[in-house]
Amino acid sequence: MHPYQYIPATNITEAVSLLARYGPRARVMAGGTDLLVQLRGERYELDAVVDAKAIPELMALTLAKDGALSIGAAVPCYQVYEDEAIVAAFPGIIDAASLIGGIQVQSRASLGGNLCNATPSADGICPLIVHSGVVTLTGVGGTRTMLVEEFTTGPGRNALAHGEMLVKIDLPKPAAHFGAAYQRFIPRNEMDIAVAGVASAVTLDASGQKIESARIALASVGPTPIFAKKASDFLAGQPATEETYAKAGEVASTEATPISDMRGTIEQRHHLVGVLTRRTLAQAVQRARGNS
């Protein structure tokens, strides 16, 4: 492994300056659960690793009075799922935060790091997409924002420019009668990587019987997590029934672009998208009916 400098940054300005100085030979470390493994495997040859755990903005977790949630890029998963108010308001996010690695990993790993790692099978990204998440990026050129579904650009690639870092992820307050859920299929417990995963979110009408709007996102069935727009649009105005969920699963399956690998085949992944879409929609609707 190439030797590198470990630099614990104490503020955003310092971190951005270091990233600009070292260019592509520097990375931010939120928890290190992916980065350190990648360094040992010589995926990267770095001169500097900038630890973000001492930067207050990146460690901030805030559920505002208006119900919006802000997750700092380095907030470990366990802090998200141990907050009772967040668990009650954002169960779809908890579905993912409690799945990323084991308990030991969750003490370090963050949703922000999971997003920046940009693995197609990442558990954290699709729930952020269906919650209409917005990321804030800061670099030497200033600050900008973008939707989570625009952030990943390819396997292991994201929209960060050199000298730029992810600061936080903002999720709007869930509307009344809103519910979300995430589920995945893994080949066995010893291989904790999704063959396919689906996050679904719905907003129901006041009766709880009709879907007013929906967002569906797919994991591990394309080069990036996929916002399934056709399936999402199809659900608007549809009755909240098993027949509707099954049809949405069929549409979502056509938006997947999977490959065959050691974990599953193309055909299996298309089938799983349909099954998981149906299941997560049913769970999201159940949660929406309890959210008045």
C-alpha atoms as a PDB file:
ATOM      1  CA  MET A   1       0.000   0.000   0.000  1.00  0.00           C
ATOM      2  CA  HIS A   2       1.311   3.437  -0.951  1.00  0.00           C
ATOM      3  CA  PRO A   3       2.140   5.550   2.146  1.00  0.00           C
ATOM      4  CA  TYR A   4      -0.137   8.532   2.708  1.00  0.00           C
ATOM      5  CA  GLN A   5      -0.648  11.358   5.163  1.00  0.00           C
ATOM      6  CA  TYR A   6      -3.562  11.061   7.583  1.00  0.00           C
ATOM      7  CA  ILE A   7      -4.900  14.570   8.234  1.00  0.00           C
ATOM      8  CA  PRO A   8      -7.824  15.158  10.646  1.00  0.00           C
ATOM      9  CA  ALA A   9      -9.418  18.376   9.371  1.00  0.00           C
ATOM     10  CA  THR A  10     -11.232  20.544  11.907  1.00  0.00           C
ATOM     11  CA  ASN A  11     -13.346  22.675   9.543  1.00  0.00           C
ATOM     12  CA  ILE A  12     -14.673  22.723   5.987  1.00  0.00           C
ATOM     13  CA  THR A  13     -12.270  25.414   4.796  1.00  0.00           C
ATOM     14  CA  GLU A  14      -9.266  23.372   5.910  1.00  0.00           C
ATOM     15  CA  ALA A  15     -10.621  20.180   4.345  1.00  0.00           C
ATOM     16  CA  VAL A  16     -11.392  21.841   1.013  1.00  0.00           C
ATOM     17  CA  SER A  17      -7.951  23.464   0.953  1.00  0.00           C
ATOM     18  CA  LEU A  18      -6.299  20.081   1.491  1.00  0.00           C
ATOM     19  CA  LEU A  19      -8.394  18.463  -1.251  1.00  0.00           C
ATOM     20  CA  ALA A  20      -7.479  21.256  -3.658  1.00  0.00           C
ATOM     21  CA  ARG A  21      -3.786  20.966  -2.763  1.00  0.00           C
ATOM     22  CA  TYR A  22      -3.536  17.202  -3.273  1.00  0.00           C
ATOM     23  CA  GLY A  23      -6.064  16.973  -6.123  1.00  0.00           C
ATOM     24  CA  PRO A  24      -7.058  13.456  -7.216  1.00  0.00           C
ATOM     25  CA  ARG A  25      -4.507  11.942  -4.817  1.00  0.00           C
ATOM     26  CA  ALA A  26      -6.627  12.885  -1.792  1.00  0.00           C
ATOM     27  CA  ARG A  27      -9.887  11.511  -0.417  1.00  0.00           C
ATOM     28  CA  VAL A  28     -12.192  12.480   2.414  1.00  0.00           C
ATOM     29  CA  MET A  29     -12.681   9.754   5.014  1.00  0.00           C
ATOM     30  CA  ALA A  30     -16.092   9.791   6.655  1.00  0.00           C
ATOM     31  CA  GLY A  31     -15.861   6.438   8.433  1.00  0.00           C
ATOM     32  CA  GLY A  32     -13.244   4.593   6.437  1.00  0.00           C
ATOM     33  CA  THR A  33     -15.172   1.326   6.176  1.00  0.00           C
ATOM     34  CA  ASP A  34     -14.932   1.425   2.367  1.00  0.00           C
ATOM     35  CA  LEU A  35     -11.942   3.698   1.810  1.00  0.00           C
ATOM     36  CA  LEU A  36      -9.459   1.779   3.973  1.00  0.00           C
ATOM     37  CA  VAL A  37     -10.396  -1.503   2.305  1.00  0.00           C
ATOM     38  CA  GLN A  38      -9.958   0.113  -1.103  1.00  0.00           C
ATOM     39  CA  LEU A  39      -6.545   1.480  -0.139  1.00  0.00           C
ATOM     40  CA  ARG A  40      -5.384  -1.930   1.041  1.00  0.00           C
ATOM     41  CA  GLY A  41      -6.632  -3.394  -2.220  1.00  0.00           C
ATOM     42  CA  GLU A  42      -4.678  -0.707  -4.121  1.00  0.00           C
ATOM     43  CA  ARG A  43      -7.737   0.656  -5.853  1.00  0.00           C
ATOM     44  CA  TYR A  44      -6.369   4.126  -5.121  1.00  0.00           C
ATOM     45  CA  GLU A  45      -2.862   5.452  -4.654  1.00  0.00           C
ATOM     46  CA  LEU A  46      -3.285   8.455  -2.386  1.00  0.00           C
ATOM     47  CA  ASP A  47      -0.986  11.006  -0.803  1.00  0.00           C
ATOM     48  CA  ALA A  48      -3.527  12.293   1.731  1.00  0.00           C
ATOM     49  CA  VAL A  49      -6.589  11.006   3.589  1.00  0.00           C
ATOM     50  CA  VAL A  50      -8.619  13.833   5.123  1.00  0.00           C
ATOM     51  CA  ASP A  51     -10.610  12.657   8.156  1.00  0.00           C
ATOM     52  CA  ALA A  52     -13.951  14.501   8.374  1.00  0.00           C
ATOM     53  CA  LYS A  53     -15.081  13.238  11.797  1.00  0.00           C
ATOM     54  CA  ALA A  54     -13.876  16.404  13.555  1.00  0.00           C
ATOM     55  CA  ILE A  55     -15.774  18.803  11.254  1.00  0.00           C
ATOM     56  CA  PRO A  56     -18.940  19.931  13.104  1.00  0.00           C
ATOM     57  CA  GLU A  57     -21.106  20.450   9.990  1.00  0.00           C
ATOM     58  CA  LEU A  58     -20.336  16.944   8.721  1.00  0.00           C
ATOM     59  CA  MET A  59     -21.219  15.405  12.097  1.00  0.00           C
ATOM     60  CA  ALA A  60     -24.497  17.309  12.534  1.00  0.00           C
ATOM     61  CA  LEU A  61     -27.776  15.362  12.600  1.00  0.00           C
ATOM     62  CA  THR A  62     -30.807  17.633  12.838  1.00  0.00           C
ATOM     63  CA  LEU A  63     -34.536  16.969  12.750  1.00  0.00           C
ATOM     64  CA  ALA A  64     -35.882  20.517  12.435  1.00  0.00           C
ATOM     65  CA  LYS A  65     -39.090  21.816  13.989  1.00  0.00           C
ATOM     66  CA  ASP A  66     -40.654  21.901  10.523  1.00  0.00           C
ATOM     67  CA  GLY A  67     -39.946  18.152  10.166  1.00  0.00           C
ATOM     68  CA  ALA A  68     -37.082  18.340   7.670  1.00  0.00           C
ATOM     69  CA  LEU A  69     -34.065  16.105   8.284  1.00  0.00           C
ATOM     70  CA  SER A  70     -30.434  17.106   7.722  1.00  0.00           C
ATOM     71  CA  ILE A  71     -27.771  14.380   7.834  1.00  0.00           C
ATOM     72  CA  GLY A  72     -24.128  15.442   7.931  1.00  0.00           C
ATOM     73  CA  ALA A  73     -21.959  13.517   5.486  1.00  0.00           C
ATOM     74  CA  ALA A  74     -19.956  11.813   8.249  1.00  0.00           C
ATOM     75  CA  VAL A  75     -22.788  11.022  10.710  1.00  0.00           C
ATOM     76  CA  PRO A  76     -22.509   7.293  11.513  1.00  0.00           C
ATOM     77  CA  CYS A  77     -25.500   5.113  10.767  1.00  0.00           C
ATOM     78  CA  TYR A  78     -26.125   4.142  14.390  1.00  0.00           C
ATOM     79  CA  GLN A  79     -26.815   7.761  15.344  1.00  0.00           C
ATOM     80  CA  VAL A  80     -29.565   7.873  12.725  1.00  0.00           C
ATOM     81  CA  TYR A  81     -31.365   4.711  13.768  1.00  0.00           C
ATOM     82  CA  GLU A  82     -30.959   5.330  17.510  1.00  0.00           C
ATOM     83  CA  ASP A  83     -32.836   8.648  17.287  1.00  0.00           C
ATOM     84  CA  GLU A  84     -36.451   7.788  18.132  1.00  0.00           C
ATOM     85  CA  ALA A  85     -37.878  10.886  16.436  1.00  0.00           C
ATOM     86  CA  ILE A  86     -36.056  10.098  13.182  1.00  0.00           C
ATOM     87  CA  VAL A  87     -37.115   6.457  13.351  1.00  0.00           C
ATOM     88  CA  ALA A  88     -40.755   7.538  13.645  1.00  0.00           C
ATOM     89  CA  ALA A  89     -40.606  10.144  10.874  1.00  0.00           C
ATOM     90  CA  PHE A  90     -38.263   8.422   8.385  1.00  0.00           C
ATOM     91  CA  PRO A  91     -38.613   4.626   8.653  1.00  0.00           C
ATOM     92  CA  GLY A  92     -37.580   4.214   5.016  1.00  0.00           C
ATOM     93  CA  ILE A  93     -34.189   5.720   5.826  1.00  0.00           C
ATOM     94  CA  ILE A  94     -33.896   3.490   8.890  1.00  0.00           C
ATOM     95  CA  ASP A  95     -34.465   0.432   6.675  1.00  0.00           C
ATOM     96  CA  ALA A  96     -31.165   1.265   4.962  1.00  0.00           C
ATOM     97  CA  ALA A  97     -29.139   2.683   7.860  1.00  0.00           C
ATOM     98  CA  SER A  98     -29.667  -0.536   9.818  1.00  0.00           C
ATOM     99  CA  LEU A  99     -28.532  -2.703   6.875  1.00  0.00           C
ATOM    100  CA  ILE A 100     -25.177  -1.142   5.962  1.00  0.00           C
ATOM    101  CA  GLY A 101     -22.682  -3.682   7.270  1.00  0.00           C
ATOM    102  CA  GLY A 102     -22.890  -5.060  10.792  1.00  0.00           C
ATOM    103  CA  ILE A 103     -23.197  -3.219  14.093  1.00  0.00           C
ATOM    104  CA  GLN A 104     -19.457  -2.558  14.267  1.00  0.00           C
ATOM    105  CA  VAL A 105     -19.458  -1.095  10.757  1.00  0.00           C
ATOM    106  CA  GLN A 106     -22.506   1.058  11.544  1.00  0.00           C
ATOM    107  CA  SER A 107     -20.576   2.722  14.357  1.00  0.00           C
ATOM    108  CA  ARG A 108     -18.323   4.285  11.700  1.00  0.00           C
ATOM    109  CA  ALA A 109     -20.045   4.058   8.305  1.00  0.00           C
ATOM    110  CA  SER A 110     -22.242   6.940   7.171  1.00  0.00           C
ATOM    111  CA  LEU A 111     -25.006   7.453   4.632  1.00  0.00           C
ATOM    112  CA  GLY A 112     -22.847  10.206   3.158  1.00  0.00           C
ATOM    113  CA  GLY A 113     -19.911   7.863   2.711  1.00  0.00           C
ATOM    114  CA  ASN A 114     -22.216   5.213   1.257  1.00  0.00           C
ATOM    115  CA  LEU A 115     -23.424   7.788  -1.264  1.00  0.00           C
ATOM    116  CA  CYS A 116     -19.944   9.032  -2.194  1.00  0.00           C
ATOM    117  CA  ASN A 117     -18.680   5.465  -2.639  1.00  0.00           C
ATOM    118  CA  ALA A 118     -21.284   5.231  -5.416  1.00  0.00           C
ATOM    119  CA  THR A 119     -21.550   1.457  -5.500  1.00  0.00           C
ATOM    120  CA  PRO A 120     -24.559   0.362  -7.623  1.00  0.00           C
ATOM    121  CA  SER A 121     -25.561  -2.049  -4.840  1.00  0.00           C
ATOM    122  CA  ALA A 122     -25.350   0.563  -2.057  1.00  0.00           C
ATOM    123  CA  ASP A 123     -28.223   0.202   0.394  1.00  0.00           C
ATOM    124  CA  GLY A 124     -28.321   3.847   1.439  1.00  0.00           C
ATOM    125  CA  ILE A 125     -28.773   5.604  -1.895  1.00  0.00           C
ATOM    126  CA  CYS A 126     -32.200   4.463  -3.089  1.00  0.00           C
ATOM    127  CA  PRO A 127     -34.028   5.447   0.131  1.00  0.00           C
ATOM    128  CA  LEU A 128     -32.423   8.895  -0.114  1.00  0.00           C
ATOM    129  CA  ILE A 129     -33.669   9.152  -3.707  1.00  0.00           C
ATOM    130  CA  VAL A 130     -37.284   8.293  -2.908  1.00  0.00           C
ATOM    131  CA  HIS A 131     -37.235  10.783  -0.019  1.00  0.00           C
ATOM    132  CA  SER A 132     -36.295  13.496  -2.579  1.00  0.00           C
ATOM    133  CA  GLY A 133     -32.915  13.998  -0.941  1.00  0.00           C
ATOM    134  CA  VAL A 134     -30.731  16.977  -1.850  1.00  0.00           C
ATOM    135  CA  VAL A 135     -26.956  17.022  -1.337  1.00  0.00           C
ATOM    136  CA  THR A 136     -24.845  20.064  -0.503  1.00  0.00           C
ATOM    137  CA  LEU A 137     -21.339  20.092  -1.987  1.00  0.00           C
ATOM    138  CA  THR A 138     -18.632  22.589  -1.050  1.00  0.00           C
ATOM    139  CA  GLY A 139     -15.329  23.265  -2.768  1.00  0.00           C
ATOM    140  CA  VAL A 140     -12.846  25.996  -3.570  1.00  0.00           C
ATOM    141  CA  GLY A 141     -15.345  27.418  -6.064  1.00  0.00           C
ATOM    142  CA  GLY A 142     -18.168  27.695  -3.534  1.00  0.00           C
ATOM    143  CA  THR A 143     -21.236  25.663  -2.598  1.00  0.00           C
ATOM    144  CA  ARG A 144     -23.783  23.945  -4.829  1.00  0.00           C
ATOM    145  CA  THR A 145     -26.694  21.545  -4.410  1.00  0.00           C
ATOM    146  CA  MET A 146     -28.155  18.715  -6.468  1.00  0.00           C
ATOM    147  CA  LEU A 147     -30.665  15.901  -6.188  1.00  0.00           C
ATOM    148  CA  VAL A 148     -29.347  12.601  -4.857  1.00  0.00           C
ATOM    149  CA  GLU A 149     -30.400  10.808  -8.062  1.00  0.00           C
ATOM    150  CA  GLU A 150     -28.054  13.079 -10.033  1.00  0.00           C
ATOM    151  CA  PHE A 151     -25.038  12.526  -7.780  1.00  0.00           C
ATOM    152  CA  THR A 152     -23.819   9.062  -8.779  1.00  0.00           C
ATOM    153  CA  THR A 153     -22.411   9.041 -12.315  1.00  0.00           C
ATOM    154  CA  GLY A 154     -21.105   5.478 -12.665  1.00  0.00           C
ATOM    155  CA  PRO A 155     -19.765   2.535 -10.642  1.00  0.00           C
ATOM    156  CA  GLY A 156     -17.570   4.123  -7.991  1.00  0.00           C
ATOM    157  CA  ARG A 157     -17.959   7.571  -9.560  1.00  0.00           C
ATOM    158  CA  ASN A 158     -19.844  10.641  -8.400  1.00  0.00           C
ATOM    159  CA  ALA A 159     -20.390  14.295  -9.265  1.00  0.00           C
ATOM    160  CA  LEU A 160     -17.762  15.673  -6.874  1.00  0.00           C
ATOM    161  CA  ALA A 161     -15.178  17.870  -8.594  1.00  0.00           C
ATOM    162  CA  HIS A 162     -11.544  17.927  -7.476  1.00  0.00           C
ATOM    163  CA  GLY A 163     -11.269  19.962  -4.297  1.00  0.00           C
ATOM    164  CA  GLU A 164     -14.946  19.431  -3.482  1.00  0.00           C
ATOM    165  CA  MET A 165     -16.627  17.489  -0.670  1.00  0.00           C
ATOM    166  CA  LEU A 166     -20.084  16.365   0.376  1.00  0.00           C
ATOM    167  CA  VAL A 167     -21.233  18.326   3.419  1.00  0.00           C
ATOM    168  CA  LYS A 168     -24.780  17.120   4.106  1.00  0.00           C
ATOM    169  CA  ILE A 169     -27.913  15.458   2.795  1.00  0.00           C
ATOM    170  CA  ASP A 170     -31.236  17.237   3.315  1.00  0.00           C
ATOM    171  CA  LEU A 171     -34.595  15.439   3.261  1.00  0.00           C
ATOM    172  CA  PRO A 172     -37.856  17.415   3.249  1.00  0.00           C
ATOM    173  CA  LYS A 173     -40.531  16.795   5.842  1.00  0.00           C
ATOM    174  CA  PRO A 174     -42.639  13.797   4.785  1.00  0.00           C
ATOM    175  CA  ALA A 175     -46.106  14.929   3.750  1.00  0.00           C
ATOM    176  CA  ALA A 176     -49.219  13.664   5.494  1.00  0.00           C
ATOM    177  CA  HIS A 177     -50.102  10.159   4.272  1.00  0.00           C
ATOM    178  CA  PHE A 178     -46.497   9.597   3.091  1.00  0.00           C
ATOM    179  CA  GLY A 179     -44.716   6.279   3.563  1.00  0.00           C
ATOM    180  CA  ALA A 180     -41.483   4.738   2.335  1.00  0.00           C
ATOM    181  CA  ALA A 181     -39.691   1.403   2.550  1.00  0.00           C
ATOM    182  CA  TYR A 182     -36.524  -0.314   1.337  1.00  0.00           C
ATOM    183  CA  GLN A 183     -35.879  -4.024   0.864  1.00  0.00           C
ATOM    184  CA  ARG A 184     -33.122  -6.019  -0.813  1.00  0.00           C
ATOM    185  CA  PHE A 185     -32.321  -9.591  -1.743  1.00  0.00           C
ATOM    186  CA  ILE A 186     -28.925 -11.040  -0.816  1.00  0.00           C
ATOM    187  CA  PRO A 187     -27.649 -14.483  -1.884  1.00  0.00           C
ATOM    188  CA  ARG A 188     -26.730 -15.515   1.663  1.00  0.00           C
ATOM    189  CA  ASN A 189     -25.956 -13.872   4.983  1.00  0.00           C
ATOM    190  CA  GLU A 190     -22.214 -14.261   4.448  1.00  0.00           C
ATOM    191  CA  MET A 191     -22.356 -12.088   1.291  1.00  0.00           C
ATOM    192  CA  ASP A 192     -23.878  -8.819   2.439  1.00  0.00           C
ATOM    193  CA  ILE A 193     -24.249  -7.283  -1.028  1.00  0.00           C
ATOM    194  CA  ALA A 194     -27.624  -6.888  -2.707  1.00  0.00           C
ATOM    195  CA  VAL A 195     -28.423  -8.888  -5.814  1.00  0.00           C
ATOM    196  CA  ALA A 196     -31.219  -6.338  -6.197  1.00  0.00           C
ATOM    197  CA  GLY A 197     -32.794  -3.727  -3.976  1.00  0.00           C
ATOM    198  CA  VAL A 198     -35.833  -1.449  -4.249  1.00  0.00           C
ATOM    199  CA  ALA A 199     -36.937   1.629  -2.341  1.00  0.00           C
ATOM    200  CA  SER A 200     -40.509   2.865  -2.721  1.00  0.00           C
ATOM    201  CA  ALA A 201     -42.258   5.963  -1.417  1.00  0.00           C
ATOM    202  CA  VAL A 202     -45.913   6.893  -1.792  1.00  0.00           C
ATOM    203  CA  THR A 203     -48.203   9.741  -0.834  1.00  0.00           C
ATOM    204  CA  LEU A 204     -51.836   8.676  -0.474  1.00  0.00           C
ATOM    205  CA  ASP A 205     -55.012  10.720  -0.640  1.00  0.00           C
ATOM    206  CA  ALA A 206     -56.925  11.471   2.547  1.00  0.00           C
ATOM    207  CA  SER A 207     -58.923   8.251   2.237  1.00  0.00           C
ATOM    208  CA  GLY A 208     -55.746   6.176   2.146  1.00  0.00           C
ATOM    209  CA  GLN A 209     -57.095   4.243  -0.847  1.00  0.00           C
ATOM    210  CA  LYS A 210     -55.494   6.070  -3.785  1.00  0.00           C
ATOM    211  CA  ILE A 211     -51.865   6.879  -4.573  1.00  0.00           C
ATOM    212  CA  GLU A 212     -51.409  10.570  -5.335  1.00  0.00           C
ATOM    213  CA  SER A 213     -47.692  10.342  -6.115  1.00  0.00           C
ATOM    214  CA  ALA A 214     -44.831   7.872  -5.811  1.00  0.00           C
ATOM    215  CA  ARG A 215     -41.080   7.505  -6.201  1.00  0.00           C
ATOM    216  CA  ILE A 216     -39.302   4.206  -6.845  1.00  0.00           C
ATOM    217  CA  ALA A 217     -35.540   3.617  -6.966  1.00  0.00           C
ATOM    218  CA  LEU A 218     -33.609   0.475  -7.875  1.00  0.00           C
ATOM    219  CA  ALA A 219     -30.280  -0.798  -6.521  1.00  0.00           C
ATOM    220  CA  SER A 220     -27.783  -3.260  -7.985  1.00  0.00           C
ATOM    221  CA  VAL A 221     -29.536  -3.494 -11.362  1.00  0.00           C
ATOM    222  CA  GLY A 222     -27.596  -0.883 -13.340  1.00  0.00           C
ATOM    223  CA  PRO A 223     -24.297   1.021 -13.348  1.00  0.00           C
ATOM    224  CA  THR A 224     -25.809   3.455 -10.830  1.00  0.00           C
ATOM    225  CA  PRO A 225     -28.838   3.376  -8.536  1.00  0.00           C
ATOM    226  CA  ILE A 226     -31.814   4.058 -10.809  1.00  0.00           C
ATOM    227  CA  PHE A 227     -34.694   6.463 -10.235  1.00  0.00           C
ATOM    228  CA  ALA A 228     -37.489   4.454 -11.884  1.00  0.00           C
ATOM    229  CA  LYS A 229     -39.441   7.362 -13.361  1.00  0.00           C
ATOM    230  CA  LYS A 230     -41.821   5.324 -15.529  1.00  0.00           C
ATOM    231  CA  ALA A 231     -42.946   3.177 -12.611  1.00  0.00           C
ATOM    232  CA  SER A 232     -43.169   6.248 -10.373  1.00  0.00           C
ATOM    233  CA  ASP A 233     -45.318   8.123 -12.900  1.00  0.00           C
ATOM    234  CA  PHE A 234     -47.509   5.077 -13.511  1.00  0.00           C
ATOM    235  CA  LEU A 235     -48.563   4.973  -9.857  1.00  0.00           C
ATOM    236  CA  ALA A 236     -50.001   8.508  -9.756  1.00  0.00           C
ATOM    237  CA  GLY A 237     -53.789   8.267  -9.444  1.00  0.00           C
ATOM    238  CA  GLN A 238     -53.813   4.467  -9.108  1.00  0.00           C
ATOM    239  CA  PRO A 239     -55.664   2.593  -6.356  1.00  0.00           C
ATOM    240  CA  ALA A 240     -53.455   1.302  -3.537  1.00  0.00           C
ATOM    241  CA  THR A 241     -53.996  -2.388  -4.297  1.00  0.00           C
ATOM    242  CA  GLU A 242     -51.865  -5.480  -4.807  1.00  0.00           C
ATOM    243  CA  GLU A 243     -52.782  -5.425  -8.496  1.00  0.00           C
ATOM    244  CA  THR A 244     -51.367  -1.909  -8.802  1.00  0.00           C
ATOM    245  CA  TYR A 245     -48.179  -2.851  -6.956  1.00  0.00           C
ATOM    246  CA  ALA A 246     -47.648  -5.850  -9.248  1.00  0.00           C
ATOM    247  CA  LYS A 247     -48.128  -3.737 -12.373  1.00  0.00           C
ATOM    248  CA  ALA A 248     -45.704  -1.124 -11.047  1.00  0.00           C
ATOM    249  CA  GLY A 249     -43.198  -3.922 -10.475  1.00  0.00           C
ATOM    250  CA  GLU A 250     -43.510  -4.953 -14.108  1.00  0.00           C
ATOM    251  CA  VAL A 251     -42.893  -1.403 -15.254  1.00  0.00           C
ATOM    252  CA  ALA A 252     -39.946  -0.955 -12.876  1.00  0.00           C
ATOM    253  CA  SER A 253     -38.406  -4.158 -14.193  1.00  0.00           C
ATOM    254  CA  THR A 254     -38.249  -2.639 -17.682  1.00  0.00           C
ATOM    255  CA  GLU A 255     -36.206   0.271 -16.294  1.00  0.00           C
ATOM    256  CA  ALA A 256     -33.535  -2.014 -14.824  1.00  0.00           C
ATOM    257  CA  THR A 257     -30.374  -2.666 -16.840  1.00  0.00           C
ATOM    258  CA  PRO A 258     -28.726  -5.484 -14.889  1.00  0.00           C
ATOM    259  CA  ILE A 259     -25.781  -7.716 -15.696  1.00  0.00           C
ATOM    260  CA  SER A 260     -25.083 -11.328 -14.791  1.00  0.00           C
ATOM    261  CA  ASP A 261     -22.335 -11.907 -12.231  1.00  0.00           C
ATOM    262  CA  MET A 262     -21.405 -14.284  -9.420  1.00  0.00           C
ATOM    263  CA  ARG A 263     -24.348 -13.030  -7.316  1.00  0.00           C
ATOM    264  CA  GLY A 264     -27.162 -13.364  -9.849  1.00  0.00           C
ATOM    265  CA  THR A 265     -28.283 -13.410 -13.463  1.00  0.00           C
ATOM    266  CA  ILE A 266     -29.951 -10.773 -15.599  1.00  0.00           C
ATOM    267  CA  GLU A 267     -33.202 -12.723 -15.554  1.00  0.00           C
ATOM    268  CA  GLN A 268     -33.121 -13.185 -11.786  1.00  0.00           C
ATOM    269  CA  ARG A 269     -32.528  -9.486 -11.205  1.00  0.00           C
ATOM    270  CA  HIS A 270     -35.407  -8.446 -13.470  1.00  0.00           C
ATOM    271  CA  HIS A 271     -37.658 -10.836 -11.538  1.00  0.00           C
ATOM    272  CA  LEU A 272     -36.430  -9.533  -8.186  1.00  0.00           C
ATOM    273  CA  VAL A 273     -37.150  -5.930  -9.155  1.00  0.00           C
ATOM    274  CA  GLY A 274     -40.773  -6.881  -9.733  1.00  0.00           C
ATOM    275  CA  VAL A 275     -41.042  -8.794  -6.459  1.00  0.00           C
ATOM    276  CA  LEU A 276     -39.295  -6.156  -4.335  1.00  0.00           C
ATOM    277  CA  THR A 277     -41.250  -3.301  -5.912  1.00  0.00           C
ATOM    278  CA  ARG A 278     -44.490  -5.038  -5.029  1.00  0.00           C
ATOM    279  CA  ARG A 279     -43.355  -5.718  -1.459  1.00  0.00           C
ATOM    280  CA  THR A 280     -41.941  -2.257  -0.751  1.00  0.00           C
ATOM    281  CA  LEU A 281     -45.014  -0.543  -2.166  1.00  0.00           C
ATOM    282  CA  ALA A 282     -47.231  -2.605   0.129  1.00  0.00           C
ATOM    283  CA  GLN A 283     -45.052  -1.701   3.107  1.00  0.00           C
ATOM    284  CA  ALA A 284     -44.864   1.977   2.112  1.00  0.00           C
ATOM    285  CA  VAL A 285     -48.653   2.153   1.794  1.00  0.00           C
ATOM    286  CA  GLN A 286     -49.089   0.535   5.198  1.00  0.00           C
ATOM    287  CA  ARG A 287     -46.762   3.138   6.726  1.00  0.00           C
ATOM    288  CA  ALA A 288     -48.505   5.955   4.836  1.00  0.00           C
ATOM    289  CA  ARG A 289     -51.871   4.952   6.270  1.00  0.00           C
ATOM    290  CA  GLY A 290     -50.398   5.322   9.740  1.00  0.00           C
ATOM    291  CA  ASN A 291     -48.947   8.757   8.953  1.00  0.00           C
ATOM    292  CA  SER A 292     -51.744  11.298   9.293  1.00  0.00           C
END
